PDB file of N, CA and C in Angstrom:
ATOM      1  N   UNK A   1      58.639 -28.307  43.055  1.00  0.00           N
ATOM      2  CA  UNK A   1      57.780 -29.067  43.933  1.00  0.00           C
ATOM      3  C   UNK A   1      58.050 -30.540  43.682  1.00  0.00           C
ATOM      4  N   UNK A   2      58.143 -31.269  44.746  1.00  0.00           N
ATOM      5  CA  UNK A   2      58.450 -32.685  44.660  1.00  0.00           C
ATOM      6  C   UNK A   2      57.258 -33.448  44.101  1.00  0.00           C
ATOM      7  N   UNK A   3      57.514 -34.341  43.202  1.00  0.00           N
ATOM      8  CA  UNK A   3      56.429 -35.126  42.603  1.00  0.00           C
ATOM      9  C   UNK A   3      55.998 -36.211  43.569  1.00  0.00           C
ATOM     10  N   UNK A   4      54.722 -36.502  43.568  1.00  0.00           N
ATOM     11  CA  UNK A   4      54.196 -37.581  44.381  1.00  0.00           C
ATOM     12  C   UNK A   4      54.496 -38.894  43.700  1.00  0.00           C
ATOM     13  N   UNK A   5      54.782 -39.911  44.474  1.00  0.00           N
ATOM     14  CA  UNK A   5      55.014 -41.230  43.928  1.00  0.00           C
ATOM     15  C   UNK A   5      53.769 -42.061  44.121  1.00  0.00           C
ATOM     16  N   UNK A   6      53.332 -42.698  43.069  1.00  0.00           N
ATOM     17  CA  UNK A   6      52.127 -43.504  43.127  1.00  0.00           C
ATOM     18  C   UNK A   6      52.440 -44.856  42.511  1.00  0.00           C
ATOM     19  N   UNK A   7      52.021 -45.928  43.187  1.00  0.00           N
ATOM     20  CA  UNK A   7      52.228 -47.260  42.655  1.00  0.00           C
ATOM     21  C   UNK A   7      50.975 -47.702  41.928  1.00  0.00           C
ATOM     22  N   UNK A   8      51.150 -48.126  40.690  1.00  0.00           N
ATOM     23  CA  UNK A   8      50.031 -48.578  39.883  1.00  0.00           C
ATOM     24  C   UNK A   8      50.193 -50.078  39.666  1.00  0.00           C
ATOM     25  N   UNK A   9      49.166 -50.829  40.007  1.00  0.00           N
ATOM     26  CA  UNK A   9      49.203 -52.269  39.835  1.00  0.00           C
ATOM     27  C   UNK A   9      48.333 -52.626  38.641  1.00  0.00           C
ATOM     28  N   UNK A  10      48.942 -53.269  37.643  1.00  0.00           N
ATOM     29  CA  UNK A  10      48.218 -53.629  36.430  1.00  0.00           C
ATOM     30  C   UNK A  10      48.517 -55.076  36.089  1.00  0.00           C
ATOM     31  N   UNK A  11      47.497 -55.910  36.045  1.00  0.00           N
ATOM     32  CA  UNK A  11      47.578 -57.342  35.748  1.00  0.00           C
ATOM     33  C   UNK A  11      48.713 -58.026  36.504  1.00  0.00           C
ATOM     34  N   UNK A  12      48.776 -57.765  37.805  1.00  0.00           N
ATOM     35  CA  UNK A  12      49.733 -58.455  38.659  1.00  0.00           C
ATOM     36  C   UNK A  12      51.106 -57.819  38.680  1.00  0.00           C
ATOM     37  N   UNK A  13      51.448 -56.955  37.748  1.00  0.00           N
ATOM     38  CA  UNK A  13      52.763 -56.310  37.724  1.00  0.00           C
ATOM     39  C   UNK A  13      52.663 -54.942  38.370  1.00  0.00           C
ATOM     40  N   UNK A  14      53.637 -54.592  39.182  1.00  0.00           N
ATOM     41  CA  UNK A  14      53.649 -53.275  39.828  1.00  0.00           C
ATOM     42  C   UNK A  14      54.680 -52.403  39.140  1.00  0.00           C
ATOM     43  N   UNK A  15      54.333 -51.164  38.871  1.00  0.00           N
ATOM     44  CA  UNK A  15      55.273 -50.211  38.299  1.00  0.00           C
ATOM     45  C   UNK A  15      55.071 -48.872  38.986  1.00  0.00           C
ATOM     46  N   UNK A  16      56.158 -48.084  39.118  1.00  0.00           N
ATOM     47  CA  UNK A  16      56.064 -46.775  39.747  1.00  0.00           C
ATOM     48  C   UNK A  16      55.970 -45.707  38.673  1.00  0.00           C
ATOM     49  N   UNK A  17      55.142 -44.717  38.952  1.00  0.00           N
ATOM     50  CA  UNK A  17      54.954 -43.618  38.016  1.00  0.00           C
ATOM     51  C   UNK A  17      54.936 -42.328  38.815  1.00  0.00           C
ATOM     52  N   UNK A  18      55.632 -41.297  38.344  1.00  0.00           N
ATOM     53  CA  UNK A  18      55.606 -40.000  39.007  1.00  0.00           C
ATOM     54  C   UNK A  18      54.337 -39.278  38.618  1.00  0.00           C
ATOM     55  N   UNK A  19      53.641 -38.760  39.622  1.00  0.00           N
ATOM     56  CA  UNK A  19      52.412 -38.021  39.390  1.00  0.00           C
ATOM     57  C   UNK A  19      52.536 -36.682  40.086  1.00  0.00           C
ATOM     58  N   UNK A  20      52.311 -35.609  39.343  1.00  0.00           N
ATOM     59  CA  UNK A  20      52.406 -34.283  39.952  1.00  0.00           C
ATOM     60  C   UNK A  20      51.202 -34.069  40.855  1.00  0.00           C
ATOM     61  N   UNK A  21      51.313 -33.185  41.849  1.00  0.00           N
ATOM     62  CA  UNK A  21      50.172 -32.900  42.721  1.00  0.00           C
ATOM     63  C   UNK A  21      48.950 -32.419  41.941  1.00  0.00           C
ATOM     64  N   UNK A  22      49.145 -31.640  40.868  1.00  0.00           N
ATOM     65  CA  UNK A  22      48.023 -31.150  40.070  1.00  0.00           C
ATOM     66  C   UNK A  22      47.315 -32.310  39.383  1.00  0.00           C
ATOM     67  N   UNK A  23      48.097 -33.258  38.816  1.00  0.00           N
ATOM     68  CA  UNK A  23      47.498 -34.431  38.172  1.00  0.00           C
ATOM     69  C   UNK A  23      46.761 -35.283  39.189  1.00  0.00           C
ATOM     70  N   UNK A  24      47.354 -35.425  40.381  1.00  0.00           N
ATOM     71  CA  UNK A  24      46.735 -36.209  41.435  1.00  0.00           C
ATOM     72  C   UNK A  24      45.409 -35.592  41.854  1.00  0.00           C
ATOM     73  N   UNK A  25      45.369 -34.268  41.973  1.00  0.00           N
ATOM     74  CA  UNK A  25      44.145 -33.566  42.347  1.00  0.00           C
ATOM     75  C   UNK A  25      43.085 -33.725  41.271  1.00  0.00           C
ATOM     76  N   UNK A  26      43.498 -33.606  40.000  1.00  0.00           N
ATOM     77  CA  UNK A  26      42.518 -33.699  38.922  1.00  0.00           C
ATOM     78  C   UNK A  26      41.920 -35.094  38.810  1.00  0.00           C
ATOM     79  N   UNK A  27      42.649 -36.125  39.199  1.00  0.00           N
ATOM     80  CA  UNK A  27      42.082 -37.474  39.160  1.00  0.00           C
ATOM     81  C   UNK A  27      41.262 -37.757  40.401  1.00  0.00           C
ATOM     82  N   UNK A  28      41.532 -37.052  41.496  1.00  0.00           N
ATOM     83  CA  UNK A  28      40.786 -37.275  42.735  1.00  0.00           C
ATOM     84  C   UNK A  28      39.424 -36.596  42.710  1.00  0.00           C
ATOM     85  N   UNK A  29      39.302 -35.485  41.988  1.00  0.00           N
ATOM     86  CA  UNK A  29      38.037 -34.746  41.921  1.00  0.00           C
ATOM     87  C   UNK A  29      37.341 -35.116  40.616  1.00  0.00           C
ATOM     88  N   UNK A  30      36.132 -35.654  40.702  1.00  0.00           N
ATOM     89  CA  UNK A  30      35.439 -36.004  39.456  1.00  0.00           C
ATOM     90  C   UNK A  30      35.160 -34.759  38.626  1.00  0.00           C
ATOM     91  N   UNK A  31      35.440 -34.844  37.346  1.00  0.00           N
ATOM     92  CA  UNK A  31      35.203 -33.718  36.446  1.00  0.00           C
ATOM     93  C   UNK A  31      33.737 -33.694  36.041  1.00  0.00           C
ATOM     94  N   UNK A  32      33.118 -32.535  36.112  1.00  0.00           N
ATOM     95  CA  UNK A  32      31.713 -32.380  35.762  1.00  0.00           C
ATOM     96  C   UNK A  32      31.638 -31.799  34.347  1.00  0.00           C
ATOM     97  N   UNK A  33      31.364 -32.651  33.392  1.00  0.00           N
ATOM     98  CA  UNK A  33      31.298 -32.235  31.990  1.00  0.00           C
ATOM     99  C   UNK A  33      29.985 -31.527  31.664  1.00  0.00           C
ATOM    100  N   UNK A  34      29.009 -31.583  32.564  1.00  0.00           N
ATOM    101  CA  UNK A  34      27.712 -30.995  32.275  1.00  0.00           C
ATOM    102  C   UNK A  34      27.656 -29.492  32.561  1.00  0.00           C
ATOM    103  N   UNK A  35      28.724 -28.864  33.081  1.00  0.00           N
ATOM    104  CA  UNK A  35      28.713 -27.452  33.444  1.00  0.00           C
ATOM    105  C   UNK A  35      29.742 -26.615  32.679  1.00  0.00           C
ATOM    106  N   UNK A  36      30.141 -26.941  31.456  1.00  0.00           N
ATOM    107  CA  UNK A  36      31.210 -26.163  30.809  1.00  0.00           C
ATOM    108  C   UNK A  36      30.855 -24.703  30.561  1.00  0.00           C
ATOM    109  N   UNK A  37      29.581 -24.390  30.410  1.00  0.00           N
ATOM    110  CA  UNK A  37      29.196 -23.003  30.119  1.00  0.00           C
ATOM    111  C   UNK A  37      29.360 -22.083  31.324  1.00  0.00           C
ATOM    112  N   UNK A  38      29.363 -22.607  32.531  1.00  0.00           N
ATOM    113  CA  UNK A  38      29.444 -21.754  33.722  1.00  0.00           C
ATOM    114  C   UNK A  38      30.673 -22.025  34.594  1.00  0.00           C
ATOM    115  N   UNK A  39      31.529 -22.950  34.197  1.00  0.00           N
ATOM    116  CA  UNK A  39      32.651 -23.299  35.069  1.00  0.00           C
ATOM    117  C   UNK A  39      33.661 -22.172  35.240  1.00  0.00           C
ATOM    118  N   UNK A  40      33.658 -21.188  34.392  1.00  0.00           N
ATOM    119  CA  UNK A  40      34.586 -20.063  34.467  1.00  0.00           C
ATOM    120  C   UNK A  40      34.056 -18.922  35.325  1.00  0.00           C
ATOM    121  N   UNK A  41      32.794 -18.971  35.745  1.00  0.00           N
ATOM    122  CA  UNK A  41      32.208 -17.875  36.518  1.00  0.00           C
ATOM    123  C   UNK A  41      32.906 -17.728  37.873  1.00  0.00           C
ATOM    124  N   UNK A  42      33.275 -16.511  38.246  1.00  0.00           N
ATOM    125  CA  UNK A  42      33.912 -16.316  39.554  1.00  0.00           C
ATOM    126  C   UNK A  42      32.886 -16.453  40.689  1.00  0.00           C
ATOM    127  N   UNK A  43      33.339 -16.956  41.821  1.00  0.00           N
ATOM    128  CA  UNK A  43      32.483 -17.067  43.001  1.00  0.00           C
ATOM    129  C   UNK A  43      33.247 -16.508  44.195  1.00  0.00           C
ATOM    130  N   UNK A  44      32.530 -16.161  45.231  1.00  0.00           N
ATOM    131  CA  UNK A  44      33.155 -15.666  46.448  1.00  0.00           C
ATOM    132  C   UNK A  44      32.889 -16.655  47.559  1.00  0.00           C
ATOM    133  N   UNK A  45      33.975 -17.179  48.139  1.00  0.00           N
ATOM    134  CA  UNK A  45      33.879 -18.097  49.258  1.00  0.00           C
ATOM    135  C   UNK A  45      33.979 -17.309  50.547  1.00  0.00           C
ATOM    136  N   UNK A  46      33.271 -17.777  51.578  1.00  0.00           N
ATOM    137  CA  UNK A  46      33.301 -17.102  52.875  1.00  0.00           C
ATOM    138  C   UNK A  46      33.636 -18.106  53.967  1.00  0.00           C
ATOM    139  N   UNK A  47      34.455 -17.675  54.913  1.00  0.00           N
ATOM    140  CA  UNK A  47      34.748 -18.452  56.106  1.00  0.00           C
ATOM    141  C   UNK A  47      34.253 -17.630  57.286  1.00  0.00           C
ATOM    142  N   UNK A  48      33.394 -18.231  58.105  1.00  0.00           N
ATOM    143  CA  UNK A  48      32.800 -17.513  59.235  1.00  0.00           C
ATOM    144  C   UNK A  48      33.663 -17.704  60.476  1.00  0.00           C
ATOM    145  N   UNK A  49      34.158 -16.603  61.007  1.00  0.00           N
ATOM    146  CA  UNK A  49      34.958 -16.602  62.222  1.00  0.00           C
ATOM    147  C   UNK A  49      34.147 -15.913  63.313  1.00  0.00           C
ATOM    148  N   UNK A  50      33.797 -16.623  64.383  1.00  0.00           N
ATOM    149  CA  UNK A  50      32.935 -16.032  65.411  1.00  0.00           C
ATOM    150  C   UNK A  50      33.655 -14.958  66.236  1.00  0.00           C
ATOM    151  N   UNK A  51      33.084 -13.759  66.260  1.00  0.00           N
ATOM    152  CA  UNK A  51      33.605 -12.647  67.058  1.00  0.00           C
ATOM    153  C   UNK A  51      32.475 -12.200  67.981  1.00  0.00           C
ATOM    154  N   UNK A  52      32.690 -12.315  69.269  1.00  0.00           N
ATOM    155  CA  UNK A  52      31.661 -11.966  70.247  1.00  0.00           C
ATOM    156  C   UNK A  52      31.720 -10.484  70.611  1.00  0.00           C
ATOM    157  N   UNK A  53      30.564  -9.909  70.902  1.00  0.00           N
ATOM    158  CA  UNK A  53      30.446  -8.528  71.366  1.00  0.00           C
ATOM    159  C   UNK A  53      31.235  -7.542  70.493  1.00  0.00           C
ATOM    160  N   UNK A  54      31.050  -7.625  69.181  1.00  0.00           N
ATOM    161  CA  UNK A  54      31.710  -6.732  68.235  1.00  0.00           C
ATOM    162  C   UNK A  54      30.652  -5.808  67.658  1.00  0.00           C
ATOM    163  N   UNK A  55      30.853  -4.508  67.794  1.00  0.00           N
ATOM    164  CA  UNK A  55      29.854  -3.506  67.381  1.00  0.00           C
ATOM    165  C   UNK A  55      30.382  -2.694  66.195  1.00  0.00           C
ATOM    166  N   UNK A  56      29.494  -1.931  65.587  1.00  0.00           N
ATOM    167  CA  UNK A  56      29.886  -1.028  64.506  1.00  0.00           C
ATOM    168  C   UNK A  56      30.955  -0.062  65.013  1.00  0.00           C
ATOM    169  N   UNK A  57      30.824   0.385  66.244  1.00  0.00           N
ATOM    170  CA  UNK A  57      31.814   1.284  66.861  1.00  0.00           C
ATOM    171  C   UNK A  57      33.208   0.640  66.821  1.00  0.00           C
ATOM    172  N   UNK A  58      33.270  -0.682  67.109  1.00  0.00           N
ATOM    173  CA  UNK A  58      34.556  -1.396  67.088  1.00  0.00           C
ATOM    174  C   UNK A  58      35.109  -1.491  65.667  1.00  0.00           C
ATOM    175  N   UNK A  59      34.228  -1.716  64.705  1.00  0.00           N
ATOM    176  CA  UNK A  59      34.635  -1.798  63.306  1.00  0.00           C
ATOM    177  C   UNK A  59      35.208  -0.463  62.836  1.00  0.00           C
ATOM    178  N   UNK A  60      34.562   0.635  63.190  1.00  0.00           N
ATOM    179  CA  UNK A  60      35.016   1.954  62.768  1.00  0.00           C
ATOM    180  C   UNK A  60      36.337   2.375  63.416  1.00  0.00           C
ATOM    181  N   UNK A  61      36.658   1.805  64.555  1.00  0.00           N
ATOM    182  CA  UNK A  61      37.884   2.191  65.254  1.00  0.00           C
ATOM    183  C   UNK A  61      39.065   1.256  64.960  1.00  0.00           C
ATOM    184  N   UNK A  62      38.894   0.324  64.025  1.00  0.00           N
ATOM    185  CA  UNK A  62      39.989  -0.599  63.698  1.00  0.00           C
ATOM    186  C   UNK A  62      41.158   0.126  63.054  1.00  0.00           C
ATOM    187  N   UNK A  63      42.373  -0.296  63.407  1.00  0.00           N
ATOM    188  CA  UNK A  63      43.603   0.212  62.815  1.00  0.00           C
ATOM    189  C   UNK A  63      44.336  -0.940  62.153  1.00  0.00           C
ATOM    190  N   UNK A  64      45.156  -0.659  61.134  1.00  0.00           N
ATOM    191  CA  UNK A  64      45.942  -1.724  60.504  1.00  0.00           C
ATOM    192  C   UNK A  64      46.814  -2.454  61.541  1.00  0.00           C
ATOM    193  N   UNK A  65      46.815  -3.772  61.477  1.00  0.00           N
ATOM    194  CA  UNK A  65      47.624  -4.576  62.392  1.00  0.00           C
ATOM    195  C   UNK A  65      46.979  -4.853  63.728  1.00  0.00           C
ATOM    196  N   UNK A  66      45.812  -4.283  63.978  1.00  0.00           N
ATOM    197  CA  UNK A  66      45.129  -4.500  65.250  1.00  0.00           C
ATOM    198  C   UNK A  66      44.625  -5.938  65.334  1.00  0.00           C
ATOM    199  N   UNK A  67      44.693  -6.508  66.517  1.00  0.00           N
ATOM    200  CA  UNK A  67      44.249  -7.883  66.751  1.00  0.00           C
ATOM    201  C   UNK A  67      42.886  -7.859  67.420  1.00  0.00           C
ATOM    202  N   UNK A  68      41.977  -8.707  66.910  1.00  0.00           N
ATOM    203  CA  UNK A  68      40.617  -8.803  67.440  1.00  0.00           C
ATOM    204  C   UNK A  68      40.456 -10.159  68.102  1.00  0.00           C
ATOM    205  N   UNK A  69      39.950 -10.175  69.323  1.00  0.00           N
ATOM    206  CA  UNK A  69      39.694 -11.435  70.022  1.00  0.00           C
ATOM    207  C   UNK A  69      38.483 -12.124  69.400  1.00  0.00           C
ATOM    208  N   UNK A  70      38.566 -13.436  69.233  1.00  0.00           N
ATOM    209  CA  UNK A  70      37.460 -14.199  68.652  1.00  0.00           C
ATOM    210  C   UNK A  70      37.040 -15.309  69.610  1.00  0.00           C
ATOM    211  N   UNK A  71      35.902 -15.917  69.305  1.00  0.00           N
ATOM    212  CA  UNK A  71      35.413 -17.049  70.091  1.00  0.00           C
ATOM    213  C   UNK A  71      35.878 -18.369  69.477  1.00  0.00           C
ATOM    214  N   UNK A  72      36.748 -18.304  68.470  1.00  0.00           N
ATOM    215  CA  UNK A  72      37.246 -19.500  67.792  1.00  0.00           C
ATOM    216  C   UNK A  72      38.312 -20.174  68.641  1.00  0.00           C
ATOM    217  N   UNK A  73      38.115 -21.441  68.901  1.00  0.00           N
ATOM    218  CA  UNK A  73      39.109 -22.225  69.628  1.00  0.00           C
ATOM    219  C   UNK A  73      40.115 -22.756  68.620  1.00  0.00           C
ATOM    220  N   UNK A  74      41.400 -22.498  68.844  1.00  0.00           N
ATOM    221  CA  UNK A  74      42.431 -22.967  67.922  1.00  0.00           C
ATOM    222  C   UNK A  74      42.280 -24.475  67.717  1.00  0.00           C
ATOM    223  N   UNK A  75      42.238 -24.890  66.477  1.00  0.00           N
ATOM    224  CA  UNK A  75      42.069 -26.305  66.160  1.00  0.00           C
ATOM    225  C   UNK A  75      40.651 -26.671  65.767  1.00  0.00           C
ATOM    226  N   UNK A  76      39.670 -25.798  66.088  1.00  0.00           N
ATOM    227  CA  UNK A  76      38.293 -26.050  65.657  1.00  0.00           C
ATOM    228  C   UNK A  76      38.161 -25.711  64.177  1.00  0.00           C
ATOM    229  N   UNK A  77      37.377 -26.513  63.461  1.00  0.00           N
ATOM    230  CA  UNK A  77      37.118 -26.229  62.056  1.00  0.00           C
ATOM    231  C   UNK A  77      36.071 -25.123  61.929  1.00  0.00           C
ATOM    232  N   UNK A  78      36.155 -24.385  60.826  1.00  0.00           N
ATOM    233  CA  UNK A  78      35.223 -23.297  60.538  1.00  0.00           C
ATOM    234  C   UNK A  78      34.449 -23.625  59.260  1.00  0.00           C
ATOM    235  N   UNK A  79      33.211 -23.131  59.123  1.00  0.00           N
ATOM    236  CA  UNK A  79      32.428 -23.416  57.917  1.00  0.00           C
ATOM    237  C   UNK A  79      32.892 -22.581  56.719  1.00  0.00           C
ATOM    238  N   UNK A  80      32.993 -23.225  55.547  1.00  0.00           N
ATOM    239  CA  UNK A  80      33.306 -22.567  54.279  1.00  0.00           C
ATOM    240  C   UNK A  80      32.027 -22.570  53.452  1.00  0.00           C
ATOM    241  N   UNK A  81      31.605 -21.390  52.974  1.00  0.00           N
ATOM    242  CA  UNK A  81      30.308 -21.263  52.305  1.00  0.00           C
ATOM    243  C   UNK A  81      30.391 -20.418  51.042  1.00  0.00           C
ATOM    244  N   UNK A  82      29.400 -20.620  50.174  1.00  0.00           N
ATOM    245  CA  UNK A  82      29.099 -19.719  49.067  1.00  0.00           C
ATOM    246  C   UNK A  82      27.686 -19.252  49.349  1.00  0.00           C
ATOM    247  N   UNK A  83      27.532 -17.919  49.524  1.00  0.00           N
ATOM    248  CA  UNK A  83      26.237 -17.366  49.931  1.00  0.00           C
ATOM    249  C   UNK A  83      25.809 -18.050  51.227  1.00  0.00           C
ATOM    250  N   UNK A  84      24.642 -18.685  51.245  1.00  0.00           N
ATOM    251  CA  UNK A  84      24.149 -19.363  52.449  1.00  0.00           C
ATOM    252  C   UNK A  84      24.350 -20.870  52.395  1.00  0.00           C
ATOM    253  N   UNK A  85      25.096 -21.363  51.414  1.00  0.00           N
ATOM    254  CA  UNK A  85      25.283 -22.806  51.240  1.00  0.00           C
ATOM    255  C   UNK A  85      26.661 -23.201  51.755  1.00  0.00           C
ATOM    256  N   UNK A  86      26.677 -24.021  52.794  1.00  0.00           N
ATOM    257  CA  UNK A  86      27.950 -24.489  53.332  1.00  0.00           C
ATOM    258  C   UNK A  86      28.464 -25.635  52.471  1.00  0.00           C
ATOM    259  N   UNK A  87      29.741 -25.529  52.058  1.00  0.00           N
ATOM    260  CA  UNK A  87      30.364 -26.531  51.197  1.00  0.00           C
ATOM    261  C   UNK A  87      31.296 -27.464  51.946  1.00  0.00           C
ATOM    262  N   UNK A  88      31.956 -26.927  52.979  1.00  0.00           N
ATOM    263  CA  UNK A  88      33.010 -27.702  53.629  1.00  0.00           C
ATOM    264  C   UNK A  88      33.312 -27.135  55.008  1.00  0.00           C
ATOM    265  N   UNK A  89      34.160 -27.833  55.721  1.00  0.00           N
ATOM    266  CA  UNK A  89      34.749 -27.353  56.966  1.00  0.00           C
ATOM    267  C   UNK A  89      36.233 -27.156  56.691  1.00  0.00           C
ATOM    268  N   UNK A  90      36.807 -26.082  57.237  1.00  0.00           N
ATOM    269  CA  UNK A  90      38.208 -25.763  56.986  1.00  0.00           C
ATOM    270  C   UNK A  90      38.932 -25.466  58.299  1.00  0.00           C
ATOM    271  N   UNK A  91      40.246 -25.603  58.256  1.00  0.00           N
ATOM    272  CA  UNK A  91      41.072 -25.151  59.380  1.00  0.00           C
ATOM    273  C   UNK A  91      41.870 -23.948  58.900  1.00  0.00           C
ATOM    274  N   UNK A  92      42.173 -23.060  59.799  1.00  0.00           N
ATOM    275  CA  UNK A  92      42.868 -21.817  59.473  1.00  0.00           C
ATOM    276  C   UNK A  92      44.306 -21.917  59.944  1.00  0.00           C
ATOM    277  N   UNK A  93      45.224 -21.416  59.116  1.00  0.00           N
ATOM    278  CA  UNK A  93      46.626 -21.368  59.519  1.00  0.00           C
ATOM    279  C   UNK A  93      47.318 -20.191  58.859  1.00  0.00           C
ATOM    280  N   UNK A  94      48.434 -19.810  59.410  1.00  0.00           N
ATOM    281  CA  UNK A  94      49.220 -18.710  58.847  1.00  0.00           C
ATOM    282  C   UNK A  94      50.281 -19.290  57.921  1.00  0.00           C
ATOM    283  N   UNK A  95      50.372 -18.737  56.704  1.00  0.00           N
ATOM    284  CA  UNK A  95      51.392 -19.130  55.734  1.00  0.00           C
ATOM    285  C   UNK A  95      52.118 -17.856  55.349  1.00  0.00           C
ATOM    286  N   UNK A  96      53.395 -17.792  55.690  1.00  0.00           N
ATOM    287  CA  UNK A  96      54.170 -16.561  55.533  1.00  0.00           C
ATOM    288  C   UNK A  96      53.439 -15.454  56.285  1.00  0.00           C
ATOM    289  N   UNK A  97      53.039 -14.398  55.598  1.00  0.00           N
ATOM    290  CA  UNK A  97      52.315 -13.303  56.254  1.00  0.00           C
ATOM    291  C   UNK A  97      50.849 -13.268  55.820  1.00  0.00           C
ATOM    292  N   UNK A  98      50.351 -14.396  55.353  1.00  0.00           N
ATOM    293  CA  UNK A  98      48.975 -14.511  54.873  1.00  0.00           C
ATOM    294  C   UNK A  98      48.212 -15.505  55.751  1.00  0.00           C
ATOM    295  N   UNK A  99      46.906 -15.385  55.747  1.00  0.00           N
ATOM    296  CA  UNK A  99      46.036 -16.356  56.413  1.00  0.00           C
ATOM    297  C   UNK A  99      45.521 -17.298  55.329  1.00  0.00           C
ATOM    298  N   UNK A 100      45.599 -18.596  55.586  1.00  0.00           N
ATOM    299  CA  UNK A 100      45.155 -19.591  54.610  1.00  0.00           C
ATOM    300  C   UNK A 100      44.178 -20.539  55.284  1.00  0.00           C
ATOM    301  N   UNK A 101      43.367 -21.198  54.465  1.00  0.00           N
ATOM    302  CA  UNK A 101      42.465 -22.225  54.975  1.00  0.00           C
ATOM    303  C   UNK A 101      42.749 -23.538  54.260  1.00  0.00           C
ATOM    304  N   UNK A 102      42.609 -24.621  54.978  1.00  0.00           N
ATOM    305  CA  UNK A 102      42.783 -25.965  54.420  1.00  0.00           C
ATOM    306  C   UNK A 102      41.473 -26.718  54.608  1.00  0.00           C
ATOM    307  N   UNK A 103      40.937 -27.263  53.535  1.00  0.00           N
ATOM    308  CA  UNK A 103      39.691 -28.021  53.624  1.00  0.00           C
ATOM    309  C   UNK A 103      39.948 -29.327  54.378  1.00  0.00           C
ATOM    310  N   UNK A 104      39.142 -29.549  55.414  1.00  0.00           N
ATOM    311  CA  UNK A 104      39.269 -30.781  56.198  1.00  0.00           C
ATOM    312  C   UNK A 104      38.138 -31.762  55.916  1.00  0.00           C
ATOM    313  N   UNK A 105      36.942 -31.235  55.603  1.00  0.00           N
ATOM    314  CA  UNK A 105      35.789 -32.092  55.288  1.00  0.00           C
ATOM    315  C   UNK A 105      34.924 -31.428  54.246  1.00  0.00           C
ATOM    316  N   UNK A 106      34.579 -32.168  53.198  1.00  0.00           N
ATOM    317  CA  UNK A 106      33.614 -31.684  52.202  1.00  0.00           C
ATOM    318  C   UNK A 106      32.235 -32.180  52.588  1.00  0.00           C
ATOM    319  N   UNK A 107      31.222 -31.380  52.330  1.00  0.00           N
ATOM    320  CA  UNK A 107      29.849 -31.802  52.634  1.00  0.00           C
ATOM    321  C   UNK A 107      29.181 -32.337  51.404  1.00  0.00           C
TER     322      UNK A 107
END
């Protein structure tokens, strides 16, 4: 993976330093030192995709690879939640043969 280039200005002098994406992410997100006892707990995130007129009968008749029509407009953001608490808005995209979400706005 290509390293990100970041320019650091210190007392009027500019120098370039390579910063990995992981290091960049860790400096961008404030670390919460007050939660070390629970930071390892697993959580389940949910993305709500609107499906209109979908019944239990439709769920029971699903086959692998079947496509379901949704009310989601391509390009619209979807809510990302834990339980009933919405954390962010995400966009959905296909990566290889998987579905992925990208956070667009944090709440």
